[in-house]
Each structure stands twice: as structure tokens, then as C-alpha cells.
């Protein structure tokens, strides 16, 4: 059976359907018993969904906002 660390290492390939049948079974078996890894995979799926919705073109307003946020963080 996979360890949590091994599952994390295979997570991207699992989500992208790039694993062999045997590897998929090992991941699914681990997910059936490990709630922390199920939660991790849910978070990864959510992240993928959010990233898919981002615009392809750069948004000019984001650069100044990111710089301002970085300065505020340094000030703390």
C-alpha cells in the first residue's frame, strides 16, 4: 500500500489520468482509508478548477496590486 508521501508524489499524475491501472488501484486504495489524502486530492482538484477559470491574458491591474501586497507583507 502507498504511504501518504508516495500518494502526494503520484497525485499530479493521478489527477491527470497518467497512472497505470495498477498505480491507480494503489492510489484509490490509499484514498479509501486515508481522510487526509482524500482532503488533499479534493484541494488539488479545486486548485485545478480555479486555475482553468483564470484568463489566458495577463491582467494589467494585478502587477501593481501584487507589488503593493508584497510591500505590506514586508512591512509587517
PDB file of N, CA and C in Angstrom:
ATOM      1  N   UNK A   1       0.845  -1.186   0.000  1.00  0.00           N
ATOM      2  CA  UNK A   1       0.000   0.000   0.000  1.00  0.00           C
ATOM      3  C   UNK A   1       0.886   1.244   0.000  1.00  0.00           C
ATOM      4  N   UNK A   2       0.397   2.289  -0.637  1.00  0.00           N
ATOM      5  CA  UNK A   2       1.136   3.551  -0.700  1.00  0.00           C
ATOM      6  C   UNK A   2       1.154   4.259   0.648  1.00  0.00           C
ATOM      7  N   UNK A   3       2.223   4.965   0.901  1.00  0.00           N
ATOM      8  CA  UNK A   3       2.262   5.861   2.057  1.00  0.00           C
ATOM      9  C   UNK A   3       1.677   7.200   1.601  1.00  0.00           C
ATOM     10  N   UNK A   4       1.402   8.070   2.551  1.00  0.00           N
ATOM     11  CA  UNK A   4       0.891   9.405   2.216  1.00  0.00           C
ATOM     12  C   UNK A   4       1.894  10.159   1.345  1.00  0.00           C
ATOM     13  N   UNK A   5       3.162  10.020   1.671  1.00  0.00           N
ATOM     14  CA  UNK A   5       4.207  10.695   0.900  1.00  0.00           C
ATOM     15  C   UNK A   5       4.224  10.200  -0.550  1.00  0.00           C
ATOM     16  N   UNK A   6       4.062   8.911  -0.735  1.00  0.00           N
ATOM     17  CA  UNK A   6       4.024   8.355  -2.089  1.00  0.00           C
ATOM     18  C   UNK A   6       2.782   8.820  -2.841  1.00  0.00           C
ATOM     19  N   UNK A   7       1.663   8.907  -2.135  1.00  0.00           N
ATOM     20  CA  UNK A   7       0.444   9.385  -2.779  1.00  0.00           C
ATOM     21  C   UNK A   7       0.632  10.815  -3.275  1.00  0.00           C
ATOM     22  N   UNK A   8       1.213  11.661  -2.448  1.00  0.00           N
ATOM     23  CA  UNK A   8       1.459  13.049  -2.865  1.00  0.00           C
ATOM     24  C   UNK A   8       2.347  13.073  -4.096  1.00  0.00           C
ATOM     25  N   UNK A   9       3.350  12.218  -4.139  1.00  0.00           N
ATOM     26  CA  UNK A   9       4.248  12.170  -5.289  1.00  0.00           C
ATOM     27  C   UNK A   9       3.516  11.751  -6.567  1.00  0.00           C
ATOM     28  N   UNK A  10       2.485  10.934  -6.438  1.00  0.00           N
ATOM     29  CA  UNK A  10       1.715  10.461  -7.592  1.00  0.00           C
ATOM     30  C   UNK A  10       0.474  11.313  -7.869  1.00  0.00           C
ATOM     31  N   UNK A  11       0.188  12.285  -7.031  1.00  0.00           N
ATOM     32  CA  UNK A  11      -1.094  12.997  -7.121  1.00  0.00           C
ATOM     33  C   UNK A  11      -1.312  13.712  -8.453  1.00  0.00           C
ATOM     34  N   UNK A  12      -0.312  14.379  -8.974  1.00  0.00           N
ATOM     35  CA  UNK A  12      -0.491  15.087 -10.250  1.00  0.00           C
ATOM     36  C   UNK A  12      -0.790  14.108 -11.379  1.00  0.00           C
ATOM     37  N   UNK A  13      -0.042  13.021 -11.420  1.00  0.00           N
ATOM     38  CA  UNK A  13      -0.289  12.015 -12.451  1.00  0.00           C
ATOM     39  C   UNK A  13      -1.670  11.382 -12.274  1.00  0.00           C
ATOM     40  N   UNK A  14      -2.087  11.181 -11.041  1.00  0.00           N
ATOM     41  CA  UNK A  14      -3.415  10.628 -10.772  1.00  0.00           C
ATOM     42  C   UNK A  14      -4.495  11.572 -11.284  1.00  0.00           C
ATOM     43  N   UNK A  15      -4.382  12.844 -10.956  1.00  0.00           N
ATOM     44  CA  UNK A  15      -5.384  13.819 -11.375  1.00  0.00           C
ATOM     45  C   UNK A  15      -5.399  14.027 -12.887  1.00  0.00           C
ATOM     46  N   UNK A  16      -4.265  13.827 -13.524  1.00  0.00           N
ATOM     47  CA  UNK A  16      -4.174  13.981 -14.979  1.00  0.00           C
ATOM     48  C   UNK A  16      -4.411  12.665 -15.715  1.00  0.00           C
ATOM     49  N   UNK A  17      -4.816  11.631 -14.978  1.00  0.00           N
ATOM     50  CA  UNK A  17      -5.094  10.304 -15.541  1.00  0.00           C
ATOM     51  C   UNK A  17      -3.888   9.745 -16.288  1.00  0.00           C
ATOM     52  N   UNK A  18      -2.720   9.868 -15.690  1.00  0.00           N
ATOM     53  CA  UNK A  18      -1.480   9.407 -16.310  1.00  0.00           C
ATOM     54  C   UNK A  18      -0.902   8.168 -15.629  1.00  0.00           C
ATOM     55  N   UNK A  19      -1.627   7.577 -14.713  1.00  0.00           N
ATOM     56  CA  UNK A  19      -1.118   6.407 -13.998  1.00  0.00           C
ATOM     57  C   UNK A  19      -1.550   5.114 -14.680  1.00  0.00           C
ATOM     58  N   UNK A  20      -0.765   4.092 -14.479  1.00  0.00           N
ATOM     59  CA  UNK A  20      -1.148   2.767 -14.963  1.00  0.00           C
ATOM     60  C   UNK A  20      -2.317   2.254 -14.125  1.00  0.00           C
ATOM     61  N   UNK A  21      -2.942   1.195 -14.591  1.00  0.00           N
ATOM     62  CA  UNK A  21      -4.067   0.607 -13.859  1.00  0.00           C
ATOM     63  C   UNK A  21      -3.650   0.228 -12.443  1.00  0.00           C
ATOM     64  N   UNK A  22      -2.506  -0.409 -12.326  1.00  0.00           N
ATOM     65  CA  UNK A  22      -2.010  -0.856 -11.011  1.00  0.00           C
ATOM     66  C   UNK A  22      -1.762   0.337 -10.077  1.00  0.00           C
ATOM     67  N   UNK A  23      -1.163   1.402 -10.612  1.00  0.00           N
ATOM     68  CA  UNK A  23      -0.898   2.597  -9.798  1.00  0.00           C
ATOM     69  C   UNK A  23      -2.206   3.276  -9.371  1.00  0.00           C
ATOM     70  N   UNK A  24      -3.181   3.320 -10.291  1.00  0.00           N
ATOM     71  CA  UNK A  24      -4.495   3.910  -9.952  1.00  0.00           C
ATOM     72  C   UNK A  24      -5.157   3.146  -8.822  1.00  0.00           C
ATOM     73  N   UNK A  25      -5.088   1.829  -8.877  1.00  0.00           N
ATOM     74  CA  UNK A  25      -5.677   0.998  -7.814  1.00  0.00           C
ATOM     75  C   UNK A  25      -4.984   1.277  -6.486  1.00  0.00           C
ATOM     76  N   UNK A  26      -3.671   1.405  -6.513  1.00  0.00           N
ATOM     77  CA  UNK A  26      -2.926   1.689  -5.280  1.00  0.00           C
ATOM     78  C   UNK A  26      -3.333   3.048  -4.706  1.00  0.00           C
ATOM     79  N   UNK A  27      -3.488   4.037  -5.562  1.00  0.00           N
ATOM     80  CA  UNK A  27      -3.896   5.372  -5.097  1.00  0.00           C
ATOM     81  C   UNK A  27      -5.311   5.311  -4.535  1.00  0.00           C
ATOM     82  N   UNK A  28      -6.209   4.683  -5.259  1.00  0.00           N
ATOM     83  CA  UNK A  28      -7.610   4.610  -4.796  1.00  0.00           C
ATOM     84  C   UNK A  28      -7.740   3.825  -3.497  1.00  0.00           C
ATOM     85  N   UNK A  29      -6.944   2.787  -3.336  1.00  0.00           N
ATOM     86  CA  UNK A  29      -6.958   2.016  -2.093  1.00  0.00           C
ATOM     87  C   UNK A  29      -6.513   2.899  -0.929  1.00  0.00           C
ATOM     88  N   UNK A  30      -5.457   3.648  -1.143  1.00  0.00           N
ATOM     89  CA  UNK A  30      -4.978   4.547  -0.090  1.00  0.00           C
ATOM     90  C   UNK A  30      -6.037   5.598   0.227  1.00  0.00           C
ATOM     91  N   UNK A  31      -6.654   6.172  -0.810  1.00  0.00           N
ATOM     92  CA  UNK A  31      -7.671   7.199  -0.585  1.00  0.00           C
ATOM     93  C   UNK A  31      -8.880   6.650   0.167  1.00  0.00           C
ATOM     94  N   UNK A  32      -9.164   5.365  -0.012  1.00  0.00           N
ATOM     95  CA  UNK A  32     -10.306   4.760   0.678  1.00  0.00           C
ATOM     96  C   UNK A  32     -10.113   4.725   2.192  1.00  0.00           C
ATOM     97  N   UNK A  33      -8.859   4.712   2.644  1.00  0.00           N
ATOM     98  CA  UNK A  33      -8.633   4.604   4.084  1.00  0.00           C
ATOM     99  C   UNK A  33      -8.035   5.869   4.713  1.00  0.00           C
ATOM    100  N   UNK A  34      -7.590   6.815   3.899  1.00  0.00           N
ATOM    101  CA  UNK A  34      -6.886   7.976   4.450  1.00  0.00           C
ATOM    102  C   UNK A  34      -7.662   9.271   4.180  1.00  0.00           C
ATOM    103  N   UNK A  35      -8.296   9.799   5.195  1.00  0.00           N
ATOM    104  CA  UNK A  35      -9.104  11.012   5.006  1.00  0.00           C
ATOM    105  C   UNK A  35      -8.237  12.229   4.708  1.00  0.00           C
ATOM    106  N   UNK A  36      -7.030  12.253   5.228  1.00  0.00           N
ATOM    107  CA  UNK A  36      -6.156  13.400   4.969  1.00  0.00           C
ATOM    108  C   UNK A  36      -5.774  13.470   3.494  1.00  0.00           C
ATOM    109  N   UNK A  37      -5.495  12.339   2.904  1.00  0.00           N
ATOM    110  CA  UNK A  37      -5.143  12.330   1.480  1.00  0.00           C
ATOM    111  C   UNK A  37      -6.369  12.597   0.605  1.00  0.00           C
ATOM    112  N   UNK A  38      -7.546  12.125   1.024  1.00  0.00           N
ATOM    113  CA  UNK A  38      -8.769  12.471   0.285  1.00  0.00           C
ATOM    114  C   UNK A  38      -8.960  13.976   0.279  1.00  0.00           C
ATOM    115  N   UNK A  39      -8.737  14.582   1.416  1.00  0.00           N
ATOM    116  CA  UNK A  39      -8.845  16.033   1.525  1.00  0.00           C
ATOM    117  C   UNK A  39      -7.812  16.719   0.629  1.00  0.00           C
ATOM    118  N   UNK A  40      -6.589  16.215   0.621  1.00  0.00           N
ATOM    119  CA  UNK A  40      -5.538  16.770  -0.228  1.00  0.00           C
ATOM    120  C   UNK A  40      -5.936  16.701  -1.705  1.00  0.00           C
ATOM    121  N   UNK A  41      -6.448  15.556  -2.135  1.00  0.00           N
ATOM    122  CA  UNK A  41      -6.855  15.393  -3.538  1.00  0.00           C
ATOM    123  C   UNK A  41      -8.019  16.330  -3.862  1.00  0.00           C
ATOM    124  N   UNK A  42      -8.966  16.482  -2.955  1.00  0.00           N
ATOM    125  CA  UNK A  42     -10.069  17.443  -3.181  1.00  0.00           C
ATOM    126  C   UNK A  42      -9.527  18.852  -3.360  1.00  0.00           C
ATOM    127  N   UNK A  43      -8.565  19.230  -2.527  1.00  0.00           N
ATOM    128  CA  UNK A  43      -7.964  20.561  -2.633  1.00  0.00           C
ATOM    129  C   UNK A  43      -7.224  20.724  -3.953  1.00  0.00           C
ATOM    130  N   UNK A  44      -6.541  19.681  -4.388  1.00  0.00           N
ATOM    131  CA  UNK A  44      -5.841  19.736  -5.671  1.00  0.00           C
ATOM    132  C   UNK A  44      -6.837  19.881  -6.830  1.00  0.00           C
ATOM    133  N   UNK A  45      -7.944  19.167  -6.763  1.00  0.00           N
ATOM    134  CA  UNK A  45      -8.966  19.291  -7.814  1.00  0.00           C
ATOM    135  C   UNK A  45      -9.559  20.697  -7.838  1.00  0.00           C
ATOM    136  N   UNK A  46      -9.797  21.241  -6.666  1.00  0.00           N
ATOM    137  CA  UNK A  46     -10.315  22.606  -6.582  1.00  0.00           C
ATOM    138  C   UNK A  46      -9.309  23.593  -7.166  1.00  0.00           C
ATOM    139  N   UNK A  47      -8.045  23.417  -6.854  1.00  0.00           N
ATOM    140  CA  UNK A  47      -6.995  24.280  -7.394  1.00  0.00           C
ATOM    141  C   UNK A  47      -6.965  24.205  -8.916  1.00  0.00           C
ATOM    142  N   UNK A  48      -7.052  22.998  -9.450  1.00  0.00           N
ATOM    143  CA  UNK A  48      -7.074  22.839 -10.908  1.00  0.00           C
ATOM    144  C   UNK A  48      -8.272  23.556 -11.518  1.00  0.00           C
ATOM    145  N   UNK A  49      -9.433  23.432 -10.884  1.00  0.00           N
ATOM    146  CA  UNK A  49     -10.636  24.073 -11.410  1.00  0.00           C
ATOM    147  C   UNK A  49     -10.501  25.595 -11.411  1.00  0.00           C
ATOM    148  N   UNK A  50      -9.930  26.138 -10.342  1.00  0.00           N
ATOM    149  CA  UNK A  50      -9.728  27.586 -10.267  1.00  0.00           C
ATOM    150  C   UNK A  50      -8.746  28.039 -11.333  1.00  0.00           C
ATOM    151  N   UNK A  51      -7.660  27.318 -11.491  1.00  0.00           N
ATOM    152  CA  UNK A  51      -6.656  27.687 -12.489  1.00  0.00           C
ATOM    153  C   UNK A  51      -7.216  27.636 -13.910  1.00  0.00           C
ATOM    154  N   UNK A  52      -8.107  26.686 -14.174  1.00  0.00           N
ATOM    155  CA  UNK A  52      -8.715  26.599 -15.501  1.00  0.00           C
ATOM    156  C   UNK A  52      -9.582  27.813 -15.803  1.00  0.00           C
ATOM    157  N   UNK A  53     -10.126  28.433 -14.776  1.00  0.00           N
ATOM    158  CA  UNK A  53     -11.016  29.584 -14.971  1.00  0.00           C
ATOM    159  C   UNK A  53     -10.275  30.914 -15.090  1.00  0.00           C
ATOM    160  N   UNK A  54      -8.986  30.908 -14.817  1.00  0.00           N
ATOM    161  CA  UNK A  54      -8.224  32.149 -14.928  1.00  0.00           C
ATOM    162  C   UNK A  54      -8.105  32.556 -16.389  1.00  0.00           C
ATOM    163  N   UNK A  55      -8.107  33.850 -16.641  1.00  0.00           N
ATOM    164  CA  UNK A  55      -7.961  34.299 -18.037  1.00  0.00           C
ATOM    165  C   UNK A  55      -6.568  33.976 -18.563  1.00  0.00           C
ATOM    166  N   UNK A  56      -6.504  33.751 -19.868  1.00  0.00           N
ATOM    167  CA  UNK A  56      -5.220  33.451 -20.505  1.00  0.00           C
ATOM    168  C   UNK A  56      -4.339  34.688 -20.586  1.00  0.00           C
ATOM    169  N   UNK A  57      -4.945  35.832 -20.833  1.00  0.00           N
ATOM    170  CA  UNK A  57      -4.177  37.073 -20.968  1.00  0.00           C
ATOM    171  C   UNK A  57      -3.860  37.648 -19.591  1.00  0.00           C
ATOM    172  N   UNK A  58      -2.735  38.309 -19.507  1.00  0.00           N
ATOM    173  CA  UNK A  58      -2.342  38.963 -18.255  1.00  0.00           C
ATOM    174  C   UNK A  58      -3.291  40.124 -17.962  1.00  0.00           C
ATOM    175  N   UNK A  59      -3.580  40.312 -16.710  1.00  0.00           N
ATOM    176  CA  UNK A  59      -4.437  41.423 -16.289  1.00  0.00           C
ATOM    177  C   UNK A  59      -3.522  42.509 -15.748  1.00  0.00           C
ATOM    178  N   UNK A  60      -3.463  43.670 -16.418  1.00  0.00           N
ATOM    179  CA  UNK A  60      -2.505  44.717 -16.038  1.00  0.00           C
ATOM    180  C   UNK A  60      -2.639  45.205 -14.595  1.00  0.00           C
ATOM    181  N   UNK A  61      -3.837  45.194 -14.055  1.00  0.00           N
ATOM    182  CA  UNK A  61      -4.045  45.707 -12.691  1.00  0.00           C
ATOM    183  C   UNK A  61      -3.431  44.802 -11.627  1.00  0.00           C
ATOM    184  N   UNK A  62      -3.135  43.561 -11.962  1.00  0.00           N
ATOM    185  CA  UNK A  62      -2.639  42.629 -10.960  1.00  0.00           C
ATOM    186  C   UNK A  62      -1.199  42.899 -10.542  1.00  0.00           C
ATOM    187  N   UNK A  63      -0.366  43.351 -11.456  1.00  0.00           N
ATOM    188  CA  UNK A  63       1.038  43.602 -11.116  1.00  0.00           C
ATOM    189  C   UNK A  63       1.193  44.652 -10.022  1.00  0.00           C
ATOM    190  N   UNK A  64       0.563  45.832 -10.155  1.00  0.00           N
ATOM    191  CA  UNK A  64       0.679  46.816  -9.073  1.00  0.00           C
ATOM    192  C   UNK A  64       0.084  46.313  -7.752  1.00  0.00           C
ATOM    193  N   UNK A  65      -1.008  45.576  -7.848  1.00  0.00           N
ATOM    194  CA  UNK A  65      -1.630  45.028  -6.645  1.00  0.00           C
ATOM    195  C   UNK A  65      -0.692  44.039  -5.964  1.00  0.00           C
ATOM    196  N   UNK A  66      -0.073  43.152  -6.731  1.00  0.00           N
ATOM    197  CA  UNK A  66       0.863  42.173  -6.165  1.00  0.00           C
ATOM    198  C   UNK A  66       2.054  42.871  -5.526  1.00  0.00           C
ATOM    199  N   UNK A  67       2.565  43.917  -6.163  1.00  0.00           N
ATOM    200  CA  UNK A  67       3.697  44.662  -5.608  1.00  0.00           C
ATOM    201  C   UNK A  67       3.306  45.339  -4.296  1.00  0.00           C
ATOM    202  N   UNK A  68       2.132  45.913  -4.264  1.00  0.00           N
ATOM    203  CA  UNK A  68       1.651  46.588  -3.050  1.00  0.00           C
ATOM    204  C   UNK A  68       1.471  45.578  -1.905  1.00  0.00           C
ATOM    205  N   UNK A  69       0.919  44.432  -2.204  1.00  0.00           N
ATOM    206  CA  UNK A  69       0.732  43.395  -1.186  1.00  0.00           C
ATOM    207  C   UNK A  69       2.082  42.889  -0.664  1.00  0.00           C
ATOM    208  N   UNK A  70       3.051  42.739  -1.555  1.00  0.00           N
ATOM    209  CA  UNK A  70       4.385  42.300  -1.139  1.00  0.00           C
ATOM    210  C   UNK A  70       5.029  43.331  -0.220  1.00  0.00           C
ATOM    211  N   UNK A  71       4.861  44.612  -0.530  1.00  0.00           N
ATOM    212  CA  UNK A  71       5.417  45.664   0.330  1.00  0.00           C
ATOM    213  C   UNK A  71       4.757  45.657   1.700  1.00  0.00           C
ATOM    214  N   UNK A  72       3.447  45.480   1.732  1.00  0.00           N
ATOM    215  CA  UNK A  72       2.737  45.432   3.013  1.00  0.00           C
ATOM    216  C   UNK A  72       3.199  44.241   3.841  1.00  0.00           C
ATOM    217  N   UNK A  73       3.435  43.139   3.188  1.00  0.00           N
ATOM    218  CA  UNK A  73       3.889  41.949   3.919  1.00  0.00           C
ATOM    219  C   UNK A  73       5.274  42.156   4.505  1.00  0.00           C
ATOM    220  N   UNK A  74       6.161  42.811   3.743  1.00  0.00           N
ATOM    221  CA  UNK A  74       7.498  43.089   4.238  1.00  0.00           C
ATOM    222  C   UNK A  74       7.453  44.044   5.434  1.00  0.00           C
ATOM    223  N   UNK A  75       6.513  44.963   5.418  1.00  0.00           N
ATOM    224  CA  UNK A  75       6.404  45.964   6.492  1.00  0.00           C
ATOM    225  C   UNK A  75       5.989  45.315   7.820  1.00  0.00           C
ATOM    226  N   UNK A  76       5.312  44.195   7.746  1.00  0.00           N
ATOM    227  CA  UNK A  76       4.864  43.517   8.976  1.00  0.00           C
ATOM    228  C   UNK A  76       5.977  42.847   9.611  1.00  0.00           C
TER     229      UNK A  76
END
